[in-house]
Amino acid sequence: MERLKIKAQVRKPGRKEAARLRKELMVPCELYGFTLEENLHFAVKEVDLDKLVFTHKAYIVELDVDGKVYDAILQDISFHPVSDKPVHADFLHVTSDRPVKMKVPVELVGVAEGVKAGGKLMNPTRYLKVKAMIDNLPDAVEVNVEKLNIGQTIKVGELSPENYTILNAHNTVVASVKATRASIAAAAAAEKEAQ
């Protein structure tokens, strides 16, 4: 899994301090985890969160809080309802000796047979929750769709992950190929010709 370095500074907890930081285009954050004696309150520049938030990738974040570095993953982020700017973020401190649960993107690989026949590839589940040691966390769950025909699906239970576990239900649909008007018309024309 890729790593992303973010510089941060310790902050005082409280609403007034959080409001002051937001005016300075900083985002109040919190780092928590079983390895920490207490939660760490800090702030990061709004622009430094962009690469972490506005991407389809999952990252392990190296948080440099006033010179002390923590490995973490983004657990939750809140956005302003009007401006859509981040207003608060929660990070979970991770270590190499404990498994981590994290959402990672689904990456569909290949061109489905059903798409070649005029169907439309659907990706209803864009992220899956996985559990793994941080060194084994995948950048994405790759799903090969080449053999998928019109009307067929690939479910979580059909995937064979290595070194990590997918926590979603086994019947969760990851990819499918739906019939389109064009594919239905082509199938009807082919059937008419065969008669």
C-alpha atoms as a PDB file:
ATOM      1  CA  MET A   1       0.000   0.000   0.000  1.00  0.00           C
ATOM      2  CA  GLU A   2       1.234   3.481  -0.842  1.00  0.00           C
ATOM      3  CA  ARG A   3       2.264   5.916   1.847  1.00  0.00           C
ATOM      4  CA  LEU A   4       1.479   9.612   2.051  1.00  0.00           C
ATOM      5  CA  LYS A   5       3.358  12.059   4.281  1.00  0.00           C
ATOM      6  CA  ILE A   6       1.392  14.850   5.939  1.00  0.00           C
ATOM      7  CA  LYS A   7       2.830  17.511   8.229  1.00  0.00           C
ATOM      8  CA  ALA A   8       0.712  18.498  11.218  1.00  0.00           C
ATOM      9  CA  GLN A   9       0.850  20.598  14.347  1.00  0.00           C
ATOM     10  CA  VAL A  10      -0.506  19.936  17.821  1.00  0.00           C
ATOM     11  CA  ARG A  11      -3.643  21.906  18.671  1.00  0.00           C
ATOM     12  CA  LYS A  12      -5.702  22.620  21.768  1.00  0.00           C
ATOM     13  CA  PRO A  13      -9.038  20.774  21.929  1.00  0.00           C
ATOM     14  CA  GLY A  14     -12.236  22.804  21.860  1.00  0.00           C
ATOM     15  CA  ARG A  15     -14.707  24.525  19.525  1.00  0.00           C
ATOM     16  CA  LYS A  16     -13.155  28.000  19.623  1.00  0.00           C
ATOM     17  CA  GLU A  17      -9.755  26.639  18.695  1.00  0.00           C
ATOM     18  CA  ALA A  18     -11.280  24.527  15.897  1.00  0.00           C
ATOM     19  CA  ALA A  19     -13.133  27.567  14.496  1.00  0.00           C
ATOM     20  CA  ARG A  20      -9.933  29.646  14.596  1.00  0.00           C
ATOM     21  CA  LEU A  21      -8.016  26.941  12.737  1.00  0.00           C
ATOM     22  CA  ARG A  22     -10.684  26.643  10.019  1.00  0.00           C
ATOM     23  CA  LYS A  23     -10.417  30.399   9.369  1.00  0.00           C
ATOM     24  CA  GLU A  24      -6.693  29.823   8.750  1.00  0.00           C
ATOM     25  CA  LEU A  25      -7.559  27.047   6.246  1.00  0.00           C
ATOM     26  CA  MET A  26      -6.475  24.348   8.695  1.00  0.00           C
ATOM     27  CA  VAL A  27      -8.484  21.205   9.469  1.00  0.00           C
ATOM     28  CA  PRO A  28      -8.803  20.078  13.103  1.00  0.00           C
ATOM     29  CA  CYS A  29      -7.990  16.373  13.420  1.00  0.00           C
ATOM     30  CA  GLU A  30      -7.716  13.670  16.021  1.00  0.00           C
ATOM     31  CA  LEU A  31      -5.478  10.617  16.212  1.00  0.00           C
ATOM     32  CA  TYR A  32      -6.633   7.722  18.359  1.00  0.00           C
ATOM     33  CA  GLY A  33      -5.736   4.092  18.848  1.00  0.00           C
ATOM     34  CA  PHE A  34      -5.106   1.448  21.480  1.00  0.00           C
ATOM     35  CA  THR A  35      -1.340   2.121  21.340  1.00  0.00           C
ATOM     36  CA  LEU A  36      -1.744   5.759  22.410  1.00  0.00           C
ATOM     37  CA  GLU A  37      -2.133   6.774  26.041  1.00  0.00           C
ATOM     38  CA  GLU A  38      -4.632   9.457  25.018  1.00  0.00           C
ATOM     39  CA  ASN A  39      -6.069  10.906  21.821  1.00  0.00           C
ATOM     40  CA  LEU A  40      -3.824  13.368  20.026  1.00  0.00           C
ATOM     41  CA  HIS A  41      -5.410  16.629  18.846  1.00  0.00           C
ATOM     42  CA  PHE A  42      -3.684  18.201  15.844  1.00  0.00           C
ATOM     43  CA  ALA A  43      -4.352  20.234  12.712  1.00  0.00           C
ATOM     44  CA  VAL A  44      -3.269  19.933   9.091  1.00  0.00           C
ATOM     45  CA  LYS A  45      -3.418  22.318   6.159  1.00  0.00           C
ATOM     46  CA  GLU A  46      -6.616  21.901   4.165  1.00  0.00           C
ATOM     47  CA  VAL A  47      -4.663  21.479   0.904  1.00  0.00           C
ATOM     48  CA  ASP A  48      -2.564  18.672   2.427  1.00  0.00           C
ATOM     49  CA  LEU A  49      -5.711  16.550   2.849  1.00  0.00           C
ATOM     50  CA  ASP A  50      -6.699  16.887  -0.834  1.00  0.00           C
ATOM     51  CA  LYS A  51      -4.512  14.038  -2.102  1.00  0.00           C
ATOM     52  CA  LEU A  52      -5.790  11.783   0.675  1.00  0.00           C
ATOM     53  CA  VAL A  53      -9.490  12.625   0.300  1.00  0.00           C
ATOM     54  CA  PHE A  54     -10.041  13.336  -3.410  1.00  0.00           C
ATOM     55  CA  THR A  55      -8.651  10.076  -4.773  1.00  0.00           C
ATOM     56  CA  HIS A  56      -9.818   6.532  -5.381  1.00  0.00           C
ATOM     57  CA  LYS A  57      -6.661   5.201  -3.672  1.00  0.00           C
ATOM     58  CA  ALA A  58      -6.208   4.144  -0.068  1.00  0.00           C
ATOM     59  CA  TYR A  59      -3.085   5.277   1.774  1.00  0.00           C
ATOM     60  CA  ILE A  60      -1.179   4.664   4.960  1.00  0.00           C
ATOM     61  CA  VAL A  61      -0.538   8.172   6.232  1.00  0.00           C
ATOM     62  CA  GLU A  62       2.754   9.131   7.854  1.00  0.00           C
ATOM     63  CA  LEU A  63       1.606  11.911  10.174  1.00  0.00           C
ATOM     64  CA  ASP A  64       4.483  14.172  11.186  1.00  0.00           C
ATOM     65  CA  VAL A  65       3.033  15.931  14.241  1.00  0.00           C
ATOM     66  CA  ASP A  66       5.606  18.522  15.342  1.00  0.00           C
ATOM     67  CA  GLY A  67       8.463  16.152  14.494  1.00  0.00           C
ATOM     68  CA  LYS A  68       6.995  12.913  15.876  1.00  0.00           C
ATOM     69  CA  VAL A  69       5.839  10.499  13.137  1.00  0.00           C
ATOM     70  CA  TYR A  70       2.813   8.209  13.464  1.00  0.00           C
ATOM     71  CA  ASP A  71       1.587   5.632  10.941  1.00  0.00           C
ATOM     72  CA  ALA A  72      -2.167   6.081  10.566  1.00  0.00           C
ATOM     73  CA  ILE A  73      -5.164   5.537   8.330  1.00  0.00           C
ATOM     74  CA  LEU A  74      -8.005   7.962   7.711  1.00  0.00           C
ATOM     75  CA  GLN A  75     -11.038   6.658   9.590  1.00  0.00           C
ATOM     76  CA  ASP A  76     -13.591   9.412   9.097  1.00  0.00           C
ATOM     77  CA  ILE A  77     -13.864  12.898   7.650  1.00  0.00           C
ATOM     78  CA  SER A  78     -16.634  15.496   7.965  1.00  0.00           C
ATOM     79  CA  PHE A  79     -17.415  18.117   5.326  1.00  0.00           C
ATOM     80  CA  HIS A  80     -19.181  21.471   5.533  1.00  0.00           C
ATOM     81  CA  PRO A  81     -22.703  21.028   4.079  1.00  0.00           C
ATOM     82  CA  VAL A  82     -22.491  24.137   1.856  1.00  0.00           C
ATOM     83  CA  SER A  83     -18.830  24.705   0.957  1.00  0.00           C
ATOM     84  CA  ASP A  84     -17.959  20.975   0.947  1.00  0.00           C
ATOM     85  CA  LYS A  85     -14.634  21.781   2.657  1.00  0.00           C
ATOM     86  CA  PRO A  86     -13.286  19.311   5.225  1.00  0.00           C
ATOM     87  CA  VAL A  87     -14.100  20.467   8.767  1.00  0.00           C
ATOM     88  CA  HIS A  88     -12.753  17.558  10.849  1.00  0.00           C
ATOM     89  CA  ALA A  89     -10.846  14.297  10.312  1.00  0.00           C
ATOM     90  CA  ASP A  90     -10.241  11.253  12.494  1.00  0.00           C
ATOM     91  CA  PHE A  91      -7.157   9.077  12.060  1.00  0.00           C
ATOM     92  CA  LEU A  92      -6.434   5.660  13.560  1.00  0.00           C
ATOM     93  CA  HIS A  93      -2.887   4.950  14.710  1.00  0.00           C
ATOM     94  CA  VAL A  94      -1.669   1.644  13.245  1.00  0.00           C
ATOM     95  CA  THR A  95       1.293  -0.596  14.029  1.00  0.00           C
ATOM     96  CA  SER A  96       2.875  -3.448  12.103  1.00  0.00           C
ATOM     97  CA  ASP A  97       1.997  -6.052  14.766  1.00  0.00           C
ATOM     98  CA  ARG A  98      -1.815  -5.633  14.737  1.00  0.00           C
ATOM     99  CA  PRO A  99      -4.317  -6.173  11.894  1.00  0.00           C
ATOM    100  CA  VAL A 100      -6.185  -3.167  10.524  1.00  0.00           C
ATOM    101  CA  LYS A 101      -9.684  -2.853   9.025  1.00  0.00           C
ATOM    102  CA  MET A 102      -9.893  -0.410   6.139  1.00  0.00           C
ATOM    103  CA  LYS A 103     -11.957   0.428   3.047  1.00  0.00           C
ATOM    104  CA  VAL A 104     -10.021  -0.059  -0.191  1.00  0.00           C
ATOM    105  CA  PRO A 105     -11.189   0.614  -3.753  1.00  0.00           C
ATOM    106  CA  VAL A 106     -12.331  -2.105  -6.157  1.00  0.00           C
ATOM    107  CA  GLU A 107     -10.434  -2.127  -9.452  1.00  0.00           C
ATOM    108  CA  LEU A 108     -12.054  -3.933 -12.372  1.00  0.00           C
ATOM    109  CA  VAL A 109      -9.467  -5.491 -14.691  1.00  0.00           C
ATOM    110  CA  GLY A 110      -9.956  -6.531 -18.315  1.00  0.00           C
ATOM    111  CA  VAL A 111     -12.779  -6.220 -20.858  1.00  0.00           C
ATOM    112  CA  ALA A 112     -15.807  -8.391 -20.119  1.00  0.00           C
ATOM    113  CA  GLU A 113     -17.176 -10.749 -22.786  1.00  0.00           C
ATOM    114  CA  GLY A 114     -20.602  -9.250 -22.133  1.00  0.00           C
ATOM    115  CA  VAL A 115     -19.314  -5.771 -22.909  1.00  0.00           C
ATOM    116  CA  LYS A 116     -17.923  -7.018 -26.226  1.00  0.00           C
ATOM    117  CA  ALA A 117     -21.445  -8.317 -26.951  1.00  0.00           C
ATOM    118  CA  GLY A 118     -22.948  -4.881 -26.291  1.00  0.00           C
ATOM    119  CA  GLY A 119     -23.670  -5.108 -22.540  1.00  0.00           C
ATOM    120  CA  LYS A 120     -22.809  -2.506 -19.915  1.00  0.00           C
ATOM    121  CA  LEU A 121     -20.309  -3.219 -17.125  1.00  0.00           C
ATOM    122  CA  MET A 122     -21.623  -2.223 -13.703  1.00  0.00           C
ATOM    123  CA  ASN A 123     -19.526  -1.651 -10.561  1.00  0.00           C
ATOM    124  CA  PRO A 124     -22.112  -1.348  -7.753  1.00  0.00           C
ATOM    125  CA  THR A 125     -19.575  -1.801  -4.942  1.00  0.00           C
ATOM    126  CA  ARG A 126     -16.727   0.661  -5.382  1.00  0.00           C
ATOM    127  CA  TYR A 127     -15.060  -0.028  -2.013  1.00  0.00           C
ATOM    128  CA  LEU A 128     -14.632  -3.172   0.079  1.00  0.00           C
ATOM    129  CA  LYS A 129     -13.717  -3.379   3.746  1.00  0.00           C
ATOM    130  CA  VAL A 130     -10.618  -5.510   4.253  1.00  0.00           C
ATOM    131  CA  LYS A 131      -8.684  -6.732   7.276  1.00  0.00           C
ATOM    132  CA  ALA A 132      -4.913  -7.259   7.139  1.00  0.00           C
ATOM    133  CA  MET A 133      -1.585  -6.437   8.700  1.00  0.00           C
ATOM    134  CA  ILE A 134      -0.543  -2.992   7.427  1.00  0.00           C
ATOM    135  CA  ASP A 135       2.244  -4.473   5.291  1.00  0.00           C
ATOM    136  CA  ASN A 136      -0.332  -6.670   3.504  1.00  0.00           C
ATOM    137  CA  LEU A 137      -3.026  -4.046   2.906  1.00  0.00           C
ATOM    138  CA  PRO A 138      -3.762  -3.908  -0.840  1.00  0.00           C
ATOM    139  CA  ASP A 139      -3.852  -0.646  -2.807  1.00  0.00           C
ATOM    140  CA  ALA A 140      -7.040  -1.990  -4.397  1.00  0.00           C
ATOM    141  CA  VAL A 141      -9.004  -5.233  -4.651  1.00  0.00           C
ATOM    142  CA  GLU A 142      -8.449  -6.310  -8.265  1.00  0.00           C
ATOM    143  CA  VAL A 143     -11.363  -8.134  -9.892  1.00  0.00           C
ATOM    144  CA  ASN A 144     -10.831  -9.754 -13.312  1.00  0.00           C
ATOM    145  CA  VAL A 145     -14.038  -9.336 -15.342  1.00  0.00           C
ATOM    146  CA  GLU A 146     -12.874 -10.807 -18.683  1.00  0.00           C
ATOM    147  CA  LYS A 147     -15.108 -13.939 -18.499  1.00  0.00           C
ATOM    148  CA  LEU A 148     -18.212 -12.044 -17.375  1.00  0.00           C
ATOM    149  CA  ASN A 149     -21.137 -12.380 -19.821  1.00  0.00           C
ATOM    150  CA  ILE A 150     -24.415 -10.460 -20.037  1.00  0.00           C
ATOM    151  CA  GLY A 151     -26.550 -11.177 -16.982  1.00  0.00           C
ATOM    152  CA  GLN A 152     -23.654 -12.549 -14.919  1.00  0.00           C
ATOM    153  CA  THR A 153     -22.200 -11.153 -11.685  1.00  0.00           C
ATOM    154  CA  ILE A 154     -19.091 -11.489  -9.565  1.00  0.00           C
ATOM    155  CA  LYS A 155     -19.677 -11.574  -5.811  1.00  0.00           C
ATOM    156  CA  VAL A 156     -17.312 -11.171  -2.867  1.00  0.00           C
ATOM    157  CA  GLY A 157     -17.525 -14.919  -2.113  1.00  0.00           C
ATOM    158  CA  GLU A 158     -15.989 -15.677  -5.533  1.00  0.00           C
ATOM    159  CA  LEU A 159     -12.860 -13.603  -4.868  1.00  0.00           C
ATOM    160  CA  SER A 160      -9.633 -15.178  -3.605  1.00  0.00           C
ATOM    161  CA  PRO A 161      -7.687 -12.514  -1.720  1.00  0.00           C
ATOM    162  CA  GLU A 162      -4.094 -13.203  -0.679  1.00  0.00           C
ATOM    163  CA  ASN A 163      -2.790 -12.085   2.736  1.00  0.00           C
ATOM    164  CA  TYR A 164      -5.966 -10.193   3.616  1.00  0.00           C
ATOM    165  CA  THR A 165      -9.629 -10.881   4.384  1.00  0.00           C
ATOM    166  CA  ILE A 166     -12.637  -9.176   2.800  1.00  0.00           C
ATOM    167  CA  LEU A 167     -15.194  -8.355   5.498  1.00  0.00           C
ATOM    168  CA  ASN A 168     -18.186  -7.599   3.239  1.00  0.00           C
ATOM    169  CA  ALA A 169     -20.975 -10.189   2.939  1.00  0.00           C
ATOM    170  CA  HIS A 170     -20.213 -13.040   0.514  1.00  0.00           C
ATOM    171  CA  ASN A 171     -23.264 -12.196  -1.609  1.00  0.00           C
ATOM    172  CA  THR A 172     -22.180  -8.549  -2.157  1.00  0.00           C
ATOM    173  CA  VAL A 173     -22.073  -7.916  -5.927  1.00  0.00           C
ATOM    174  CA  VAL A 174     -18.764  -6.389  -7.033  1.00  0.00           C
ATOM    175  CA  ALA A 175     -19.283  -6.418 -10.806  1.00  0.00           C
ATOM    176  CA  SER A 176     -22.009  -7.333 -13.280  1.00  0.00           C
ATOM    177  CA  VAL A 177     -22.837  -6.945 -16.959  1.00  0.00           C
ATOM    178  CA  LYS A 178     -26.321  -5.661 -17.752  1.00  0.00           C
ATOM    179  CA  ALA A 179     -28.092  -6.041 -21.050  1.00  0.00           C
ATOM    180  CA  THR A 180     -28.532  -2.820 -23.025  1.00  0.00           C
ATOM    181  CA  ARG A 181     -31.094  -2.011 -25.704  1.00  0.00           C
ATOM    182  CA  ALA A 182     -28.394  -2.480 -28.330  1.00  0.00           C
ATOM    183  CA  SER A 183     -27.385  -5.917 -26.977  1.00  0.00           C
ATOM    184  CA  ILE A 184     -31.042  -7.037 -26.783  1.00  0.00           C
ATOM    185  CA  ALA A 185     -31.670  -5.839 -30.383  1.00  0.00           C
ATOM    186  CA  ALA A 186     -28.489  -7.614 -31.598  1.00  0.00           C
ATOM    187  CA  ALA A 187     -29.511 -10.848 -29.850  1.00  0.00           C
ATOM    188  CA  ALA A 188     -33.022 -10.636 -31.379  1.00  0.00           C
ATOM    189  CA  ALA A 189     -31.567 -10.010 -34.859  1.00  0.00           C
ATOM    190  CA  ALA A 190     -29.174 -12.949 -34.490  1.00  0.00           C
ATOM    191  CA  GLU A 191     -32.072 -15.179 -33.399  1.00  0.00           C
ATOM    192  CA  LYS A 192     -34.183 -14.062 -36.401  1.00  0.00           C
ATOM    193  CA  GLU A 193     -31.312 -14.884 -38.770  1.00  0.00           C
ATOM    194  CA  ALA A 194     -30.899 -18.325 -37.233  1.00  0.00           C
ATOM    195  CA  GLN A 195     -34.558 -19.187 -37.971  1.00  0.00           C
END
